[in-house]
Structures are given as C-alpha cells and as structure tokens.
Amino acid sequence: MAASPDRELGDARAALDRGDGRAALVSLDRARRGYHRQRDAEGLEHVLDMAVLVDDADERTRIARQNLVYAAKQNLRQETRRAARERHAPWTDPFPALQAADEHTRVAPTRATKAAIAVGVVAALAVITGFVVAAAVGDGSAKTVTVRLENDSRRAVDVRGCDDPDCATTFTQREVPPGARTEVDVDPDTLVQLFELDGTDARECLPLRIHDAYRRLPSGGVLSARLSQATPCPGTTVLPRPAEATPI
C-alpha cells in the first residue's frame, strides 16, 4: 500500500534532519502528489514550505527542487481555482509569475547510460519532479494522451521513457528505425516527460512539455515530436505539436 502524503512529509523531514536533500525531494514529491489527489491545499503549502529547506548543494538537487516547487505551485493554482469555482467566487491567482513565458521546469543531468535508452516527458518532472520530472496539474478529464515520436534521422535510435530524472526506471524501451515512428501514451497532466535517446552521435535527451501542449491540443488529437529535436542531456524542453503539424 502506498504511504500517505503525511507519512511522506514525515520521511522528508527525517531526510532533511540527516542532510539527505535528494531523498527529501523524493518524499516531498510523493507527498505533493498525494495531497493533490486529496485536493489538500494546506498539505501542498507544507510541501512548498519544506522545499525551501532543501540544501541545493549540487546542480541536480537544485533543479529537482525547482521542479518540485513549480509542480506544487501549479497544483495549488488548480486547487484554489476549483475552490473558488465551488464557492462561486472570483479566483485570484496565487502565483501569477507562473504565467511568464520563461518559467518552466528543467531536467537534471542523468547518470551514465545503463542500457539502451528510450523515449517516453521538467518535466514533467521535472519535475519533473524531472527531474523528468513528472507532475499532475490537469483537470482529470482525460487519462492519457498519445505522443508520437518520429525518427527523422538516417539511423536507428533506441529510446527509453523515463520515470525519474536519472532514468533509473523506465516505462518503455524501443528501437525506432530511420524514417519510422512510435507512439506512447502519457498522462496529460505530466509537466515534463523525459525521453533519452541512444544511437545518435552522443547520448541525448528530449524533455517534452506534455501538459502545456495538451492544453492546446484539439479533442482526440495526438502530440508529435521529432527525435532530431533532442539535445545533449539534460536537454532543452520542447513543446510537442499536434501530429498533423509535424509530418515526416
């Protein structure tokens, strides 16, 4: 049985006490997801308060903390909007700076490739939480969105869909021949879904901004990205387009 968000928050406190920032962020992200599912705004605020206590001694931890804060703020925006709607009251955005075009999650550098690398999203994430992060901030109206990955290179590329910023665990692994494409289903609420590629001149990453793209997608549409859009890890985030807009 999955731990409760309150327990994850306690684990995060214990990790902070022993100086383990990365473990604290993992527990905080689990707590964030739990509070988001429970629509617990107060719990999300506790996550934000504890996130600022994490010592960003290295680049990976700093990016993971940024992704966590971003995802928690998005969750709080959604929850306050929902609460205002239920009260039939005007909604005041608690984090208007998130509307800025240059604010988004980042993906931390990954460890050396252990196996064939595959595609899957500050993400999320990012985040997402990365990492890829991965983060739930949508309205729950859809379970998945199809992401089409097009190999527009002249060589076969191994792709791996990452469940975490280090890509230590994955949910898909495929070889995509040159000129071919593959499709994967992703949670539309994911902020950034990380893809890692192996088969190019160097290991590359393709972090896709799933949630932002899904909001612009026509109902029943498919998101599309080209493998040539990948860049050296940790990669630059890419906004996938409707599949019809990016034919091979």
C-alpha atoms as a PDB file:
ATOM      1  CA  MET A   1       0.000   0.000   0.000  1.00  0.00           C
ATOM      2  CA  ALA A   2       1.332   3.424  -0.883  1.00  0.00           C
ATOM      3  CA  ALA A   3       2.358   5.645   2.010  1.00  0.00           C
ATOM      4  CA  SER A   4       0.084   8.541   2.910  1.00  0.00           C
ATOM      5  CA  PRO A   5       1.218  12.065   1.997  1.00  0.00           C
ATOM      6  CA  ASP A   6       1.518  12.885   5.719  1.00  0.00           C
ATOM      7  CA  ARG A   7       3.896   9.967   6.148  1.00  0.00           C
ATOM      8  CA  GLU A   8       5.885  11.023   3.095  1.00  0.00           C
ATOM      9  CA  LEU A   9       6.118  14.506   4.617  1.00  0.00           C
ATOM     10  CA  GLY A  10       7.490  12.925   7.793  1.00  0.00           C
ATOM     11  CA  ASP A  11      10.026  10.950   5.767  1.00  0.00           C
ATOM     12  CA  ALA A  12      11.073  14.187   4.090  1.00  0.00           C
ATOM     13  CA  ARG A  13      11.642  15.821   7.491  1.00  0.00           C
ATOM     14  CA  ALA A  14      13.769  12.871   8.569  1.00  0.00           C
ATOM     15  CA  ALA A  15      15.816  13.100   5.366  1.00  0.00           C
ATOM     16  CA  LEU A  16      16.351  16.820   5.946  1.00  0.00           C
ATOM     17  CA  ASP A  17      17.489  16.135   9.507  1.00  0.00           C
ATOM     18  CA  ARG A  18      20.179  13.771   8.251  1.00  0.00           C
ATOM     19  CA  GLY A  19      21.199  16.124   5.453  1.00  0.00           C
ATOM     20  CA  ASP A  20      19.939  13.989   2.553  1.00  0.00           C
ATOM     21  CA  GLY A  21      18.407  16.593   0.225  1.00  0.00           C
ATOM     22  CA  ARG A  22      17.747  14.224  -2.670  1.00  0.00           C
ATOM     23  CA  ALA A  23      15.834  11.751  -0.504  1.00  0.00           C
ATOM     24  CA  ALA A  24      13.870  14.648   0.972  1.00  0.00           C
ATOM     25  CA  LEU A  25      12.849  15.813  -2.500  1.00  0.00           C
ATOM     26  CA  VAL A  26      11.705  12.317  -3.481  1.00  0.00           C
ATOM     27  CA  SER A  27       9.489  12.109  -0.387  1.00  0.00           C
ATOM     28  CA  LEU A  28       8.234  15.667  -0.871  1.00  0.00           C
ATOM     29  CA  ASP A  29       7.211  14.930  -4.446  1.00  0.00           C
ATOM     30  CA  ARG A  30       5.314  11.829  -3.332  1.00  0.00           C
ATOM     31  CA  ALA A  31       3.617  13.909  -0.647  1.00  0.00           C
ATOM     32  CA  ARG A  32       2.765  16.561  -3.250  1.00  0.00           C
ATOM     33  CA  ARG A  33       1.096  14.003  -5.487  1.00  0.00           C
ATOM     34  CA  GLY A  34      -0.849  12.582  -2.558  1.00  0.00           C
ATOM     35  CA  TYR A  35      -2.066  15.978  -1.387  1.00  0.00           C
ATOM     36  CA  HIS A  36      -3.000  16.877  -4.943  1.00  0.00           C
ATOM     37  CA  ARG A  37      -5.135  13.736  -5.250  1.00  0.00           C
ATOM     38  CA  GLN A  38      -6.782  14.581  -1.923  1.00  0.00           C
ATOM     39  CA  ARG A  39      -7.293  18.223  -3.003  1.00  0.00           C
ATOM     40  CA  ASP A  40      -5.465  19.280   0.155  1.00  0.00           C
ATOM     41  CA  ALA A  41      -4.231  22.838  -0.382  1.00  0.00           C
ATOM     42  CA  GLU A  42      -2.820  23.082   3.134  1.00  0.00           C
ATOM     43  CA  GLY A  43      -0.744  19.959   2.562  1.00  0.00           C
ATOM     44  CA  LEU A  44       0.596  21.395  -0.691  1.00  0.00           C
ATOM     45  CA  GLU A  45       1.599  24.555   1.148  1.00  0.00           C
ATOM     46  CA  HIS A  46       3.510  22.406   3.667  1.00  0.00           C
ATOM     47  CA  VAL A  47       5.377  20.818   0.747  1.00  0.00           C
ATOM     48  CA  LEU A  48       6.358  24.256  -0.541  1.00  0.00           C
ATOM     49  CA  ASP A  49       7.490  25.349   2.927  1.00  0.00           C
ATOM     50  CA  MET A  50       9.721  22.297   3.299  1.00  0.00           C
ATOM     51  CA  ALA A  51      11.122  22.503  -0.213  1.00  0.00           C
ATOM     52  CA  VAL A  52      12.877  25.774   0.604  1.00  0.00           C
ATOM     53  CA  LEU A  53      14.757  23.963   3.387  1.00  0.00           C
ATOM     54  CA  VAL A  54      16.486  21.600   0.957  1.00  0.00           C
ATOM     55  CA  ASP A  55      20.149  22.482   0.527  1.00  0.00           C
ATOM     56  CA  ASP A  56      20.847  22.770  -3.211  1.00  0.00           C
ATOM     57  CA  ALA A  57      24.483  21.798  -2.856  1.00  0.00           C
ATOM     58  CA  ASP A  58      24.686  20.382  -6.372  1.00  0.00           C
ATOM     59  CA  GLU A  59      23.103  21.119  -9.740  1.00  0.00           C
ATOM     60  CA  ARG A  60      20.895  18.026  -9.831  1.00  0.00           C
ATOM     61  CA  THR A  61      19.399  18.723  -6.419  1.00  0.00           C
ATOM     62  CA  ARG A  62      18.864  22.381  -7.281  1.00  0.00           C
ATOM     63  CA  ILE A  63      16.996  21.533 -10.480  1.00  0.00           C
ATOM     64  CA  ALA A  64      14.920  18.853  -8.744  1.00  0.00           C
ATOM     65  CA  ARG A  65      13.925  21.381  -6.083  1.00  0.00           C
ATOM     66  CA  GLN A  66      12.954  23.927  -8.744  1.00  0.00           C
ATOM     67  CA  ASN A  67      10.802  21.323 -10.487  1.00  0.00           C
ATOM     68  CA  LEU A  68       9.118  20.334  -7.222  1.00  0.00           C
ATOM     69  CA  VAL A  69       8.319  23.944  -6.345  1.00  0.00           C
ATOM     70  CA  TYR A  70       6.959  24.575  -9.828  1.00  0.00           C
ATOM     71  CA  ALA A  71       4.722  21.494  -9.728  1.00  0.00           C
ATOM     72  CA  ALA A  72       3.428  22.280  -6.215  1.00  0.00           C
ATOM     73  CA  LYS A  73       2.585  25.841  -7.236  1.00  0.00           C
ATOM     74  CA  GLN A  74       0.701  24.578 -10.284  1.00  0.00           C
ATOM     75  CA  ASN A  75      -1.208  22.141  -8.062  1.00  0.00           C
ATOM     76  CA  LEU A  76      -2.117  24.979  -5.692  1.00  0.00           C
ATOM     77  CA  ARG A  77      -3.269  27.144  -8.597  1.00  0.00           C
ATOM     78  CA  GLN A  78      -5.555  24.369  -9.745  1.00  0.00           C
ATOM     79  CA  GLU A  79      -6.902  23.691  -6.249  1.00  0.00           C
ATOM     80  CA  THR A  80      -7.585  27.359  -5.461  1.00  0.00           C
ATOM     81  CA  ARG A  81      -9.303  27.755  -8.819  1.00  0.00           C
ATOM     82  CA  ARG A  82     -11.511  24.741  -8.106  1.00  0.00           C
ATOM     83  CA  ALA A  83     -12.350  26.011  -4.611  1.00  0.00           C
ATOM     84  CA  ALA A  84     -13.263  29.451  -5.948  1.00  0.00           C
ATOM     85  CA  ARG A  85     -15.499  27.888  -8.580  1.00  0.00           C
ATOM     86  CA  GLU A  86     -17.314  25.834  -5.937  1.00  0.00           C
ATOM     87  CA  ARG A  87     -17.870  28.995  -3.872  1.00  0.00           C
ATOM     88  CA  HIS A  88     -18.981  30.905  -6.983  1.00  0.00           C
ATOM     89  CA  ALA A  89     -16.312  33.453  -6.075  1.00  0.00           C
ATOM     90  CA  PRO A  90     -13.678  35.240  -8.176  1.00  0.00           C
ATOM     91  CA  TRP A  91     -10.354  33.447  -8.376  1.00  0.00           C
ATOM     92  CA  THR A  92      -7.114  35.229  -7.549  1.00  0.00           C
ATOM     93  CA  ASP A  93      -4.025  33.533  -8.959  1.00  0.00           C
ATOM     94  CA  PRO A  94      -1.683  32.846  -6.001  1.00  0.00           C
ATOM     95  CA  PHE A  95       1.314  32.537  -8.340  1.00  0.00           C
ATOM     96  CA  PRO A  96       0.797  34.866 -11.312  1.00  0.00           C
ATOM     97  CA  ALA A  97       4.507  34.663 -12.153  1.00  0.00           C
ATOM     98  CA  LEU A  98       3.937  31.118 -13.413  1.00  0.00           C
ATOM     99  CA  GLN A  99       2.266  32.683 -16.451  1.00  0.00           C
ATOM    100  CA  ALA A 100       5.623  34.092 -17.527  1.00  0.00           C
ATOM    101  CA  ALA A 101       6.849  32.556 -20.767  1.00  0.00           C
ATOM    102  CA  ASP A 102      10.342  31.844 -19.424  1.00  0.00           C
ATOM    103  CA  GLU A 103       9.277  29.965 -16.279  1.00  0.00           C
ATOM    104  CA  HIS A 104       9.212  26.207 -16.727  1.00  0.00           C
ATOM    105  CA  THR A 105      10.634  23.060 -15.231  1.00  0.00           C
ATOM    106  CA  ARG A 106      14.094  21.766 -16.001  1.00  0.00           C
ATOM    107  CA  VAL A 107      15.638  18.322 -16.284  1.00  0.00           C
ATOM    108  CA  ALA A 108      18.709  17.409 -14.283  1.00  0.00           C
ATOM    109  CA  PRO A 109      21.732  15.674 -15.847  1.00  0.00           C
ATOM    110  CA  THR A 110      21.337  11.899 -15.882  1.00  0.00           C
ATOM    111  CA  ARG A 111      23.813   9.202 -14.870  1.00  0.00           C
ATOM    112  CA  ALA A 112      25.705   7.149 -17.439  1.00  0.00           C
ATOM    113  CA  THR A 113      23.510   5.046 -19.664  1.00  0.00           C
ATOM    114  CA  LYS A 114      22.959   1.591 -18.192  1.00  0.00           C
ATOM    115  CA  ALA A 115      21.104   0.082 -21.140  1.00  0.00           C
ATOM    116  CA  ALA A 116      19.528   1.042 -24.394  1.00  0.00           C
ATOM    117  CA  ILE A 117      17.967   4.453 -23.989  1.00  0.00           C
ATOM    118  CA  ALA A 118      14.396   5.112 -24.838  1.00  0.00           C
ATOM    119  CA  VAL A 119      11.559   7.615 -25.092  1.00  0.00           C
ATOM    120  CA  GLY A 120       8.545   8.103 -23.070  1.00  0.00           C
ATOM    121  CA  VAL A 121       8.477  13.657 -20.665  1.00  0.00           C
ATOM    122  CA  VAL A 122      10.791  19.146 -16.163  1.00  0.00           C
ATOM    123  CA  ALA A 123       9.357  17.575 -16.678  1.00  0.00           C
ATOM    124  CA  ALA A 124       7.433  16.612 -16.153  1.00  0.00           C
ATOM    125  CA  LEU A 125       9.429  16.078 -13.901  1.00  0.00           C
ATOM    126  CA  ALA A 126      10.646  17.760 -13.637  1.00  0.00           C
ATOM    127  CA  VAL A 127       9.996  17.504 -12.003  1.00  0.00           C
ATOM    128  CA  ILE A 128       9.580  16.942 -13.036  1.00  0.00           C
ATOM    129  CA  THR A 129       9.901  16.207 -10.438  1.00  0.00           C
ATOM    130  CA  GLY A 130      12.103  15.642 -13.718  1.00  0.00           C
ATOM    131  CA  PHE A 131      13.992  15.797 -12.969  1.00  0.00           C
ATOM    132  CA  VAL A 132      11.916  14.283 -15.631  1.00  0.00           C
ATOM    133  CA  VAL A 133      10.074  15.225 -13.686  1.00  0.00           C
ATOM    134  CA  ALA A 134       6.648  14.165 -13.705  1.00  0.00           C
ATOM    135  CA  ALA A 135       3.542  16.211 -12.123  1.00  0.00           C
ATOM    136  CA  ALA A 136      -0.203  16.124 -12.045  1.00  0.00           C
ATOM    137  CA  VAL A 137      -1.831  19.516 -12.582  1.00  0.00           C
ATOM    138  CA  GLY A 138      -4.708  18.965 -15.010  1.00  0.00           C
ATOM    139  CA  ASP A 139      -8.436  18.720 -14.571  1.00  0.00           C
ATOM    140  CA  GLY A 140      -8.514  14.907 -14.776  1.00  0.00           C
ATOM    141  CA  SER A 141     -10.822  14.922 -17.785  1.00  0.00           C
ATOM    142  CA  ALA A 142      -8.581  12.521 -19.730  1.00  0.00           C
ATOM    143  CA  LYS A 143      -6.494   9.546 -18.649  1.00  0.00           C
ATOM    144  CA  THR A 144      -3.807   9.591 -21.329  1.00  0.00           C
ATOM    145  CA  VAL A 145      -2.663  11.440 -24.406  1.00  0.00           C
ATOM    146  CA  THR A 146      -0.815   9.755 -27.263  1.00  0.00           C
ATOM    147  CA  VAL A 147       2.656  11.088 -28.029  1.00  0.00           C
ATOM    148  CA  ARG A 148       4.079  10.244 -31.446  1.00  0.00           C
ATOM    149  CA  LEU A 149       7.873  10.168 -31.695  1.00  0.00           C
ATOM    150  CA  GLU A 150       9.212  10.469 -35.232  1.00  0.00           C
ATOM    151  CA  ASN A 151      12.711   9.329 -36.131  1.00  0.00           C
ATOM    152  CA  ASP A 152      13.652  11.825 -38.808  1.00  0.00           C
ATOM    153  CA  SER A 153      17.310  10.756 -38.776  1.00  0.00           C
ATOM    154  CA  ARG A 154      19.158   8.315 -41.024  1.00  0.00           C
ATOM    155  CA  ARG A 155      19.920   5.771 -38.334  1.00  0.00           C
ATOM    156  CA  ALA A 156      18.028   3.587 -35.868  1.00  0.00           C
ATOM    157  CA  VAL A 157      17.596   5.167 -32.440  1.00  0.00           C
ATOM    158  CA  ASP A 158      16.974   3.391 -29.144  1.00  0.00           C
ATOM    159  CA  VAL A 159      14.539   5.332 -26.994  1.00  0.00           C
ATOM    160  CA  ARG A 160      13.571   4.987 -23.371  1.00  0.00           C
ATOM    161  CA  GLY A 161      10.720   6.636 -21.449  1.00  0.00           C
ATOM    162  CA  CYS A 162      11.983   7.713 -18.040  1.00  0.00           C
ATOM    163  CA  ASP A 163      10.063   7.560 -14.766  1.00  0.00           C
ATOM    164  CA  ASP A 164      12.597   9.727 -12.928  1.00  0.00           C
ATOM    165  CA  PRO A 165      15.254  12.369 -13.663  1.00  0.00           C
ATOM    166  CA  ASP A 166      18.094   9.830 -13.585  1.00  0.00           C
ATOM    167  CA  CYS A 167      16.196   7.461 -15.892  1.00  0.00           C
ATOM    168  CA  ALA A 168      16.936   4.709 -13.378  1.00  0.00           C
ATOM    169  CA  THR A 169      13.451   3.293 -14.013  1.00  0.00           C
ATOM    170  CA  THR A 170      11.578   3.345 -17.301  1.00  0.00           C
ATOM    171  CA  PHE A 171       8.120   2.586 -18.651  1.00  0.00           C
ATOM    172  CA  THR A 172       9.023   1.840 -22.263  1.00  0.00           C
ATOM    173  CA  GLN A 173      12.054   0.872 -24.336  1.00  0.00           C
ATOM    174  CA  ARG A 174      12.003   0.669 -28.108  1.00  0.00           C
ATOM    175  CA  GLU A 175      14.201   0.815 -31.183  1.00  0.00           C
ATOM    176  CA  VAL A 176      12.861   3.201 -33.826  1.00  0.00           C
ATOM    177  CA  PRO A 177      14.237   2.612 -37.357  1.00  0.00           C
ATOM    178  CA  PRO A 178      15.163   5.602 -39.529  1.00  0.00           C
ATOM    179  CA  GLY A 179      12.088   7.250 -41.018  1.00  0.00           C
ATOM    180  CA  ALA A 180       9.782   5.332 -38.679  1.00  0.00           C
ATOM    181  CA  ARG A 181       7.787   6.462 -35.670  1.00  0.00           C
ATOM    182  CA  THR A 182       6.494   5.040 -32.420  1.00  0.00           C
ATOM    183  CA  GLU A 183       3.665   6.080 -30.111  1.00  0.00           C
ATOM    184  CA  VAL A 184       3.372   6.053 -26.334  1.00  0.00           C
ATOM    185  CA  ASP A 185       0.518   7.036 -24.018  1.00  0.00           C
ATOM    186  CA  VAL A 186       1.350   9.632 -21.378  1.00  0.00           C
ATOM    187  CA  ASP A 187      -0.604  11.219 -18.540  1.00  0.00           C
ATOM    188  CA  PRO A 188      -1.732  14.609 -19.933  1.00  0.00           C
ATOM    189  CA  ASP A 189      -1.106  16.199 -16.537  1.00  0.00           C
ATOM    190  CA  THR A 190       2.626  15.462 -16.745  1.00  0.00           C
ATOM    191  CA  LEU A 191       4.539  18.732 -16.808  1.00  0.00           C
ATOM    192  CA  VAL A 192       7.685  17.381 -18.478  1.00  0.00           C
ATOM    193  CA  GLN A 193       8.166  13.821 -19.742  1.00  0.00           C
ATOM    194  CA  LEU A 194      11.796  12.880 -20.281  1.00  0.00           C
ATOM    195  CA  PHE A 195      12.960  10.830 -23.252  1.00  0.00           C
ATOM    196  CA  GLU A 196      16.539   9.574 -23.533  1.00  0.00           C
ATOM    197  CA  LEU A 197      17.991   8.608 -26.897  1.00  0.00           C
ATOM    198  CA  ASP A 198      20.907   6.343 -27.776  1.00  0.00           C
ATOM    199  CA  GLY A 199      22.054   5.851 -31.351  1.00  0.00           C
ATOM    200  CA  THR A 200      22.943   9.419 -32.226  1.00  0.00           C
ATOM    201  CA  ASP A 201      26.493  10.765 -32.125  1.00  0.00           C
ATOM    202  CA  ALA A 202      26.141  11.285 -28.372  1.00  0.00           C
ATOM    203  CA  ARG A 203      23.579  10.463 -25.706  1.00  0.00           C
ATOM    204  CA  GLU A 204      20.785  12.993 -25.964  1.00  0.00           C
ATOM    205  CA  CYS A 205      17.635  13.934 -24.076  1.00  0.00           C
ATOM    206  CA  LEU A 206      14.219  15.044 -25.278  1.00  0.00           C
ATOM    207  CA  PRO A 207      12.172  16.564 -22.421  1.00  0.00           C
ATOM    208  CA  LEU A 208       8.639  17.198 -23.723  1.00  0.00           C
ATOM    209  CA  ARG A 209       6.264  19.729 -22.144  1.00  0.00           C
ATOM    210  CA  ILE A 210       3.219  17.463 -22.182  1.00  0.00           C
ATOM    211  CA  HIS A 211       0.764  19.465 -20.073  1.00  0.00           C
ATOM    212  CA  ASP A 212       1.299  22.755 -21.931  1.00  0.00           C
ATOM    213  CA  ALA A 213       0.932  21.024 -25.301  1.00  0.00           C
ATOM    214  CA  TYR A 214      -2.137  19.031 -24.231  1.00  0.00           C
ATOM    215  CA  ARG A 215      -3.969  22.213 -23.275  1.00  0.00           C
ATOM    216  CA  ARG A 216      -3.586  23.415 -26.871  1.00  0.00           C
ATOM    217  CA  LEU A 217      -4.497  20.074 -28.446  1.00  0.00           C
ATOM    218  CA  PRO A 218      -7.872  19.546 -30.144  1.00  0.00           C
ATOM    219  CA  SER A 219     -10.017  16.869 -28.550  1.00  0.00           C
ATOM    220  CA  GLY A 220      -8.851  13.408 -29.550  1.00  0.00           C
ATOM    221  CA  GLY A 221      -5.639  14.729 -31.078  1.00  0.00           C
ATOM    222  CA  VAL A 222      -2.153  13.272 -30.964  1.00  0.00           C
ATOM    223  CA  LEU A 223       1.006  15.085 -29.886  1.00  0.00           C
ATOM    224  CA  SER A 224       4.107  14.758 -32.021  1.00  0.00           C
ATOM    225  CA  ALA A 225       7.825  15.422 -31.630  1.00  0.00           C
ATOM    226  CA  ARG A 226      10.858  14.702 -33.807  1.00  0.00           C
ATOM    227  CA  LEU A 227      13.856  12.865 -32.389  1.00  0.00           C
ATOM    228  CA  SER A 228      16.087  15.434 -34.071  1.00  0.00           C
ATOM    229  CA  GLN A 229      14.779  17.934 -31.507  1.00  0.00           C
ATOM    230  CA  ALA A 230      16.773  16.153 -28.792  1.00  0.00           C
ATOM    231  CA  THR A 231      19.832  17.927 -27.406  1.00  0.00           C
ATOM    232  CA  PRO A 232      22.758  16.856 -25.177  1.00  0.00           C
ATOM    233  CA  CYS A 233      21.484  15.833 -21.767  1.00  0.00           C
ATOM    234  CA  PRO A 234      19.901  17.224 -19.643  1.00  0.00           C
ATOM    235  CA  GLY A 235      18.250  18.571 -22.798  1.00  0.00           C
ATOM    236  CA  THR A 236      16.234  21.645 -23.654  1.00  0.00           C
ATOM    237  CA  THR A 237      12.491  21.358 -23.115  1.00  0.00           C
ATOM    238  CA  VAL A 238      10.414  21.019 -26.286  1.00  0.00           C
ATOM    239  CA  LEU A 239       6.731  21.790 -26.796  1.00  0.00           C
ATOM    240  CA  PRO A 240       5.275  18.944 -28.904  1.00  0.00           C
ATOM    241  CA  ARG A 241       2.799  19.885 -31.627  1.00  0.00           C
ATOM    242  CA  PRO A 242      -0.374  18.278 -32.945  1.00  0.00           C
ATOM    243  CA  ALA A 243       0.679  15.278 -35.032  1.00  0.00           C
ATOM    244  CA  GLU A 244      -0.735  16.757 -38.250  1.00  0.00           C
ATOM    245  CA  ALA A 245       1.594  19.741 -37.891  1.00  0.00           C
ATOM    246  CA  THR A 246       4.773  17.670 -37.955  1.00  0.00           C
ATOM    247  CA  PRO A 247       4.617  15.039 -40.731  1.00  0.00           C
ATOM    248  CA  ILE A 248       7.769  13.096 -41.518  1.00  0.00           C
END
